Protein backbone atom coordinates (compact mmCIF):
# COMPACT_ATOMS: atom_id res chain seq x y z
CA MET A 1 -115.70 159.50 38.45
CA SER A 2 -113.50 156.44 38.85
CA GLY A 3 -115.15 154.75 35.84
CA GLN A 4 -114.20 157.65 33.57
CA SER A 5 -110.83 158.27 32.05
CA ARG A 6 -108.77 160.98 33.73
CA ALA A 7 -106.63 161.27 30.63
CA PRO A 8 -108.37 163.62 28.18
CA PRO A 9 -107.34 163.32 24.59
CA VAL A 10 -104.34 165.34 23.63
CA SER A 11 -105.13 168.24 21.33
CA ASP A 12 -104.37 167.82 17.66
CA ASP A 13 -101.39 170.17 17.56
CA ILE A 14 -99.13 168.33 15.11
CA THR A 15 -99.37 168.58 11.34
CA PRO A 16 -100.19 165.72 8.94
CA LEU A 17 -96.64 165.99 7.59
CA GLN A 18 -95.26 165.46 11.09
CA ARG A 19 -97.54 162.45 11.54
CA MET A 20 -96.19 161.05 8.28
CA ALA A 21 -92.61 161.55 9.50
CA ALA A 22 -93.42 159.81 12.80
CA SER A 23 -95.05 156.83 11.06
CA CYS A 24 -92.23 156.60 8.51
CA THR A 25 -89.65 156.46 11.30
CA GLY A 26 -91.72 153.82 13.10
CA ALA A 27 -92.04 151.68 9.96
CA ILE A 28 -88.28 151.73 9.32
CA PHE A 29 -87.47 151.02 12.95
CA THR A 30 -89.98 148.17 13.10
CA SER A 31 -88.68 146.60 9.90
CA LEU A 32 -85.09 146.74 11.13
CA LEU A 33 -85.96 145.03 14.42
CA VAL A 34 -88.53 142.51 13.19
CA THR A 35 -86.98 141.31 9.91
CA PRO A 36 -84.62 138.87 11.72
CA LEU A 37 -87.72 137.23 13.22
CA ASP A 38 -89.15 136.97 9.69
CA VAL A 39 -85.99 135.32 8.38
CA VAL A 40 -85.80 132.79 11.21
CA LYS A 41 -89.51 132.01 10.98
CA ILE A 42 -89.40 131.35 7.25
CA ARG A 43 -86.29 129.19 7.56
CA LEU A 44 -87.98 127.04 10.22
CA GLN A 45 -91.16 126.78 8.15
CA ALA A 46 -89.25 126.00 4.97
CA GLN A 47 -87.35 123.04 6.41
CA LYS A 48 -90.64 121.45 7.46
CA ASN A 49 -92.39 122.18 4.16
CA PRO A 50 -89.65 122.94 1.62
CA PHE A 51 -90.69 125.05 -1.35
CA PRO A 52 -89.85 124.07 -4.93
CA LYS A 53 -87.39 126.36 -6.69
CA GLY A 54 -88.99 129.56 -7.88
CA LYS A 55 -92.00 129.49 -5.57
CA CYS A 56 -92.95 132.88 -4.22
CA PHE A 57 -94.00 133.01 -0.55
CA VAL A 58 -95.64 136.08 0.94
CA TYR A 59 -96.39 136.43 4.63
CA CYS A 60 -97.83 139.25 6.67
CA ASN A 61 -98.12 140.59 10.20
CA GLY A 62 -101.20 142.74 9.76
CA LEU A 63 -99.34 146.03 9.62
CA MET A 64 -96.93 145.39 6.76
CA ASP A 65 -96.19 142.72 4.19
CA HIS A 66 -92.94 140.82 3.70
CA ILE A 67 -91.79 138.52 0.94
CA CYS A 68 -89.36 135.62 0.70
CA VAL A 69 -88.36 134.03 -2.58
CA CYS A 70 -86.81 130.61 -2.97
CA GLU A 71 -83.66 130.03 -4.98
CA ASN A 72 -84.46 130.44 -8.67
CA GLY A 73 -81.81 129.31 -11.13
CA ASN A 74 -78.54 131.16 -10.70
CA SER A 75 -80.10 134.25 -9.16
CA LYS A 76 -79.22 135.28 -5.65
CA ALA A 77 -82.12 134.14 -3.49
CA TRP A 78 -83.39 135.58 -0.24
CA TYR A 79 -84.33 132.12 0.95
CA LYS A 80 -81.41 129.72 1.14
CA ALA A 81 -81.36 127.46 4.18
CA PRO A 82 -78.54 124.91 4.42
CA GLY A 83 -78.46 122.53 7.36
CA HIS A 84 -81.09 121.73 9.91
CA PHE A 85 -82.40 123.98 12.68
CA SER A 86 -83.65 122.45 15.93
CA GLY A 87 -85.30 125.66 17.14
CA THR A 88 -85.41 129.45 17.02
CA LEU A 89 -82.17 130.06 18.94
CA ASP A 90 -80.38 127.35 16.96
CA ALA A 91 -81.55 128.98 13.72
CA PHE A 92 -80.23 132.39 14.80
CA ILE A 93 -76.82 130.92 15.70
CA LYS A 94 -76.41 128.81 12.53
CA ILE A 95 -77.57 131.55 10.16
CA VAL A 96 -75.09 134.02 11.64
CA ARG A 97 -72.30 131.43 11.73
CA ASN A 98 -72.80 130.08 8.19
CA GLU A 99 -74.01 133.16 6.31
CA GLY A 100 -73.00 136.16 8.39
CA ILE A 101 -75.08 138.50 10.50
CA LYS A 102 -76.35 140.36 7.40
CA ALA A 103 -78.36 137.27 6.46
CA LEU A 104 -80.76 138.06 9.33
CA TRP A 105 -81.87 141.10 7.33
CA SER A 106 -82.40 139.28 4.04
CA GLY A 107 -85.18 140.82 2.00
CA LEU A 108 -85.09 144.12 3.92
CA PRO A 109 -85.19 146.43 0.84
CA PRO A 110 -88.52 145.12 -0.53
CA THR A 111 -89.85 145.07 3.02
CA LEU A 112 -89.11 148.79 3.33
CA VAL A 113 -90.49 149.51 -0.14
CA MET A 114 -93.82 148.07 0.98
CA ALA A 115 -93.81 148.96 4.66
CA VAL A 116 -92.95 152.65 4.52
CA PRO A 117 -95.62 153.95 2.09
CA ALA A 118 -98.29 151.57 3.42
CA THR A 119 -97.65 152.50 7.04
CA VAL A 120 -97.41 156.24 6.35
CA ILE A 121 -100.76 156.23 4.55
CA TYR A 122 -102.36 153.96 7.12
CA PHE A 123 -101.32 155.69 10.33
CA THR A 124 -101.74 159.23 9.03
CA CYS A 125 -105.22 158.50 7.66
CA TYR A 126 -106.21 156.77 10.91
CA ASP A 127 -105.31 159.75 13.09
CA GLN A 128 -107.06 162.24 10.83
CA LEU A 129 -110.17 160.07 10.47
CA CYS A 130 -110.36 159.21 14.15
CA ALA A 131 -110.26 162.88 15.17
CA ALA A 132 -113.03 163.72 12.68
CA VAL A 133 -115.20 160.72 13.61
CA ARG A 134 -114.92 161.49 17.34
CA VAL A 135 -116.44 164.89 16.72
CA LYS A 136 -119.24 163.47 14.57
CA MET A 137 -120.15 160.57 16.89
CA GLY A 138 -120.34 162.60 20.08
CA ASP A 139 -121.54 160.32 22.90
CA HIS A 140 -120.51 157.21 20.93
CA ALA A 141 -116.95 158.46 20.34
CA GLN A 142 -115.49 155.30 21.91
CA MET A 143 -116.37 153.49 18.67
CA ALA A 144 -114.42 155.99 16.55
CA PRO A 145 -111.14 153.99 16.59
CA LEU A 146 -112.94 150.91 15.28
CA LEU A 147 -114.51 152.76 12.34
CA ALA A 148 -111.44 154.91 11.59
CA GLY A 149 -109.11 151.90 11.70
CA ALA A 150 -111.27 149.95 9.24
CA VAL A 151 -111.61 152.84 6.78
CA ALA A 152 -107.91 153.73 6.98
CA ARG A 153 -106.92 150.14 6.24
CA VAL A 154 -109.26 149.97 3.21
CA GLY A 155 -107.64 153.10 1.81
CA ALA A 156 -104.05 152.03 2.48
CA ALA A 157 -104.52 148.47 1.17
CA THR A 158 -106.26 149.70 -1.98
CA VAL A 159 -103.52 152.22 -2.77
CA ILE A 160 -100.67 149.77 -2.09
CA SER A 161 -102.23 146.70 -3.74
CA PRO A 162 -100.87 147.41 -7.28
CA LEU A 163 -97.37 147.91 -5.84
CA GLU A 164 -97.60 144.62 -3.94
CA LEU A 165 -98.76 142.82 -7.07
CA MET A 166 -95.88 144.24 -9.11
CA ARG A 167 -93.40 143.25 -6.43
CA THR A 168 -94.76 139.71 -6.33
CA LYS A 169 -94.56 139.48 -10.11
CA LEU A 170 -91.05 140.91 -10.17
CA GLN A 171 -89.83 138.30 -7.70
CA SER A 172 -91.72 135.31 -9.13
CA GLN A 173 -90.05 135.85 -12.51
CA LYS A 174 -86.62 137.19 -13.49
CA LEU A 175 -87.83 140.44 -14.99
CA SER A 176 -86.11 143.76 -15.50
CA TYR A 177 -88.04 146.89 -14.61
CA ARG A 178 -88.64 147.56 -18.31
CA GLU A 179 -90.00 144.04 -18.78
CA LEU A 180 -92.17 144.52 -15.69
CA THR A 181 -93.58 147.74 -17.14
CA ASN A 182 -94.41 146.00 -20.41
CA CYS A 183 -95.95 143.08 -18.52
CA VAL A 184 -98.17 145.39 -16.45
CA ARG A 185 -99.18 147.35 -19.55
CA LEU A 186 -100.13 144.12 -21.32
CA ALA A 187 -102.18 142.97 -18.30
CA VAL A 188 -104.05 146.27 -18.22
CA GLU A 189 -104.74 146.11 -21.97
CA THR A 190 -106.04 142.53 -21.86
CA GLU A 191 -107.80 142.41 -18.46
CA GLY A 192 -108.39 146.07 -17.59
CA TRP A 193 -107.22 148.21 -14.68
CA ARG A 194 -108.88 145.85 -12.20
CA SER A 195 -106.10 143.36 -12.86
CA LEU A 196 -103.79 145.55 -10.73
CA TRP A 197 -105.93 144.81 -7.67
CA ARG A 198 -105.85 141.00 -7.75
CA ALA A 199 -106.04 139.32 -4.34
CA LEU A 200 -107.31 142.56 -2.78
CA GLY A 201 -110.37 140.70 -1.46
CA PRO A 202 -108.61 138.36 0.99
CA THR A 203 -106.24 141.18 1.93
CA LEU A 204 -109.18 143.35 3.01
CA LEU A 205 -110.93 140.41 4.68
CA ARG A 206 -107.88 140.01 6.93
CA ASP A 207 -106.64 143.56 7.31
CA VAL A 208 -109.88 145.49 7.84
CA PRO A 209 -111.12 143.40 10.82
CA PHE A 210 -107.54 143.35 12.15
CA SER A 211 -107.29 147.14 12.01
CA ALA A 212 -110.73 147.71 13.50
CA MET A 213 -110.05 145.41 16.46
CA TYR A 214 -106.47 146.57 16.84
CA TRP A 215 -107.23 150.28 17.13
CA TYR A 216 -110.33 149.80 19.28
CA ASN A 217 -108.49 147.60 21.79
CA TYR A 218 -105.38 149.79 21.65
CA GLU A 219 -107.24 153.02 22.42
CA ARG A 220 -109.25 151.37 25.20
CA SER A 221 -106.23 149.75 26.86
CA LYS A 222 -104.16 152.92 26.45
CA SER A 223 -106.87 155.03 28.11
CA TRP A 224 -107.23 152.51 30.92
CA LEU A 225 -103.49 152.43 31.60
CA CYS A 226 -103.22 156.23 31.42
CA GLU A 227 -106.02 156.50 33.97
CA ARG A 228 -104.49 153.84 36.19
CA TYR A 229 -101.10 155.56 36.27
CA ASN A 230 -102.58 159.07 36.25
CA THR A 231 -100.82 160.36 33.15
CA ARG A 232 -102.28 162.54 30.42
CA GLU A 233 -100.07 161.29 27.59
CA PRO A 234 -99.16 157.61 27.09
CA THR A 235 -95.64 156.70 28.12
CA LEU A 236 -93.43 154.46 26.02
CA ALA A 237 -94.26 151.49 28.27
CA ILE A 238 -98.02 152.13 28.05
CA SER A 239 -97.91 152.33 24.24
CA PHE A 240 -95.74 149.21 24.02
CA ILE A 241 -97.97 147.09 26.28
CA SER A 242 -101.20 148.31 24.66
CA GLY A 243 -99.86 147.70 21.16
CA ALA A 244 -98.63 144.19 21.98
CA ALA A 245 -101.90 143.16 23.66
CA SER A 246 -104.21 144.57 20.98
CA GLY A 247 -102.05 143.17 18.18
CA THR A 248 -102.10 139.71 19.72
CA ILE A 249 -105.89 139.66 20.00
CA ALA A 250 -106.43 140.94 16.46
CA SER A 251 -103.88 138.53 14.96
CA ILE A 252 -105.53 135.48 16.55
CA VAL A 253 -109.03 136.41 15.38
CA THR A 254 -107.95 137.18 11.79
CA LEU A 255 -105.47 134.30 11.41
CA PRO A 256 -107.74 132.25 9.04
CA PHE A 257 -107.81 135.14 6.55
CA ASP A 258 -104.04 135.50 6.84
CA VAL A 259 -103.66 131.81 5.95
CA VAL A 260 -105.97 132.27 2.94
CA LYS A 261 -104.09 135.36 1.75
CA THR A 262 -100.77 133.55 2.00
CA ARG A 263 -102.17 130.61 0.00
CA ARG A 264 -103.60 132.98 -2.63
CA GLN A 265 -100.32 134.86 -2.96
CA VAL A 266 -98.36 131.62 -3.30
CA GLU A 267 -100.74 130.43 -6.02
CA LEU A 268 -100.45 133.80 -7.75
CA GLY A 269 -96.67 133.53 -7.79
CA GLU A 270 -96.86 130.03 -9.25
CA LEU A 271 -99.35 131.05 -11.93
CA GLN A 272 -97.24 134.03 -12.94
CA ALA A 273 -94.10 131.89 -13.06
CA MET A 274 -95.89 129.50 -15.42
CA ASN A 275 -97.41 132.36 -17.46
CA LEU A 276 -100.96 131.27 -16.61
CA SER A 277 -103.94 133.52 -16.09
CA SER A 278 -104.76 134.43 -12.51
CA LYS A 279 -108.40 133.61 -13.20
CA ALA A 280 -107.50 130.03 -12.39
CA SER A 281 -106.90 131.12 -8.80
CA SER A 282 -109.55 130.05 -6.30
CA SER A 283 -111.88 132.32 -4.38
CA THR A 284 -111.47 132.98 -0.66
CA ILE A 285 -114.32 130.64 0.30
CA SER A 286 -113.08 127.82 -1.92
CA VAL A 287 -109.56 128.17 -0.52
CA MET A 288 -110.97 127.91 3.02
CA ARG A 289 -112.92 124.80 2.07
CA LYS A 290 -109.83 123.27 0.48
CA ILE A 291 -107.76 123.95 3.61
CA VAL A 292 -110.40 122.45 5.90
CA ALA A 293 -110.73 119.39 3.63
CA GLN A 294 -106.97 118.80 3.57
CA HIS A 295 -105.96 119.75 7.11
CA GLY A 296 -109.15 120.05 9.12
CA PHE A 297 -110.48 123.17 10.83
CA GLY A 298 -107.13 123.61 12.56
CA GLY A 299 -105.55 124.25 9.16
CA LEU A 300 -107.15 127.69 9.15
CA PHE A 301 -105.02 128.53 12.20
CA ALA A 302 -101.73 127.23 10.81
CA GLY A 303 -98.73 129.21 12.02
CA PHE A 304 -100.55 130.36 15.16
CA LEU A 305 -97.48 130.63 17.38
CA PRO A 306 -95.10 132.19 14.80
CA ARG A 307 -97.73 134.77 13.86
CA VAL A 308 -98.40 135.79 17.46
CA VAL A 309 -94.68 135.87 18.29
CA LYS A 310 -94.15 138.07 15.22
CA VAL A 311 -97.20 140.34 15.44
CA ALA A 312 -97.01 141.23 19.13
CA PRO A 313 -93.53 142.83 19.02
CA ALA A 314 -94.17 144.32 15.57
CA CYS A 315 -97.33 146.08 16.73
CA ALA A 316 -95.73 147.12 20.00
CA ILE A 317 -92.60 148.54 18.36
CA MET A 318 -94.53 150.30 15.60
CA ILE A 319 -97.11 152.01 17.80
CA SER A 320 -94.66 152.98 20.54
CA SER A 321 -92.28 154.43 17.92
CA TYR A 322 -95.18 156.30 16.36
CA GLU A 323 -96.40 157.69 19.68
CA LEU A 324 -92.84 158.67 20.59
CA GLY A 325 -92.46 160.49 17.28
CA LYS A 326 -95.75 162.34 17.77
CA ALA A 327 -94.73 163.33 21.30
CA PHE A 328 -91.44 164.69 19.95
CA PHE A 329 -93.16 166.85 17.33
CA ARG A 330 -95.83 167.95 19.80
CA LYS A 331 -93.15 169.15 22.24
CA HIS A 332 -91.26 170.81 19.40
CA ASN A 333 -94.37 172.71 18.29
CA GLN A 334 -95.17 173.82 21.82
CA GLU A 335 -91.66 175.13 22.35
CA ARG A 336 -91.79 176.98 19.05
CA THR A 337 -95.16 178.49 20.01
CA HIS A 338 -93.79 179.67 23.36
CA ARG A 339 -90.71 181.19 21.71
CA ALA A 340 -92.73 183.17 19.16
CA PRO A 341 -94.25 185.73 21.64
CA GLN A 342 -90.88 186.21 23.33
CA THR A 343 -89.25 186.95 19.98
CA SER A 344 -91.98 189.45 19.03
CA ASN A 345 -91.72 191.24 22.40
CA THR A 346 -87.96 191.50 22.04
C-alpha cells in the first residue's frame, strides 16, 4: 500500500464559474507579483542587445504572455532604460530611484488583458477535461493530466491568438482602436480569417508540450507530497513546491520553441511597422536553422537563466493561488450544504 497514494482525489464539488473566479484571481495576483521580474529582465537584456526604436518585443513564461515596446517617437514607451545596470538587484534599485516604484509594473494593463482571459479559459478547461478523461481512461488515469493539459492549451491559445495579434499590431504602430479595427478588417478581406491566427504554430509548439509536461509533473509531485505528509488536500506549500518544480522542468525542455516564438513575434512587429506582408516571415524550422547558424546550438537555449527564474515563481504563484481559491469555494459550498438541512428543519 505504500506505493499507492493515500490522498484520493477531491470530489468535484465546485462549479465552473467558481473555477473561473479562482483562476482569474490567480492570474491577477501572479501578474502583480511577477511583472517587476519581467521589467528588470527586459532592462538587463536590452542593455546587452539594445532594440532599435519601434521594435516590438514579446516574451512569455508558458502560462501568460507579456509585451514590452521600445520608445517610438514621442509616445510614452514601456521600455526606457537610462543608465547601466550591473545586475538584478542594481536594476531594481536604479529603476525605483530614477523612475519611481510604479516603473516596476510597466506594461501591467496589457499583461492583464492577455493573462486573465487566457488563464481563465486554460485552467477551467483543464480541470473539466481532466475530470472527464480520468473517468474514460480508468486504469491509465495517471496520464489524464498530460492529455488534458495539452488539449486545454490548444483551446486557450487558439481562442486568444487573434487578441494577441491585435495587441502586437496595436503596439508596433501608433494606431487608434478605430484604425486597428479597419486594419484587421482589411487583413481579413485580403488574406482571409486565417490571418488572425498568425504565429499560432510556434505558440502551440511551445505551449502544448509545456502544458502537457507541466500538469503531468504537477499532479504526480502533488500526489507524492500529499501522500508523504498524509494530507487529503494539497496545502499551500505543497502546491507552491509542485508548481515551481514542474514549471522549471517544462520551461527548460520547451525553451527552444520559446526562443523561436520570440523571434517570430519580433519579426512580425517589424514587418507590421514597415507595412510589409507577414508572408515574408520565416517558418519555425527555418528560424531554428538560422539561430543555430548564427549562434550555434546553444542559441536555442538563449535566456535560460532568466526564463527559469521567471517561470518557476510564476507557475508556483499561479497554481498555489488557484488551489487556494478552489479550496475556499469548496469550503464555502460545503458550509452552505450543511446549513441547508438545518434551515429546512427549523
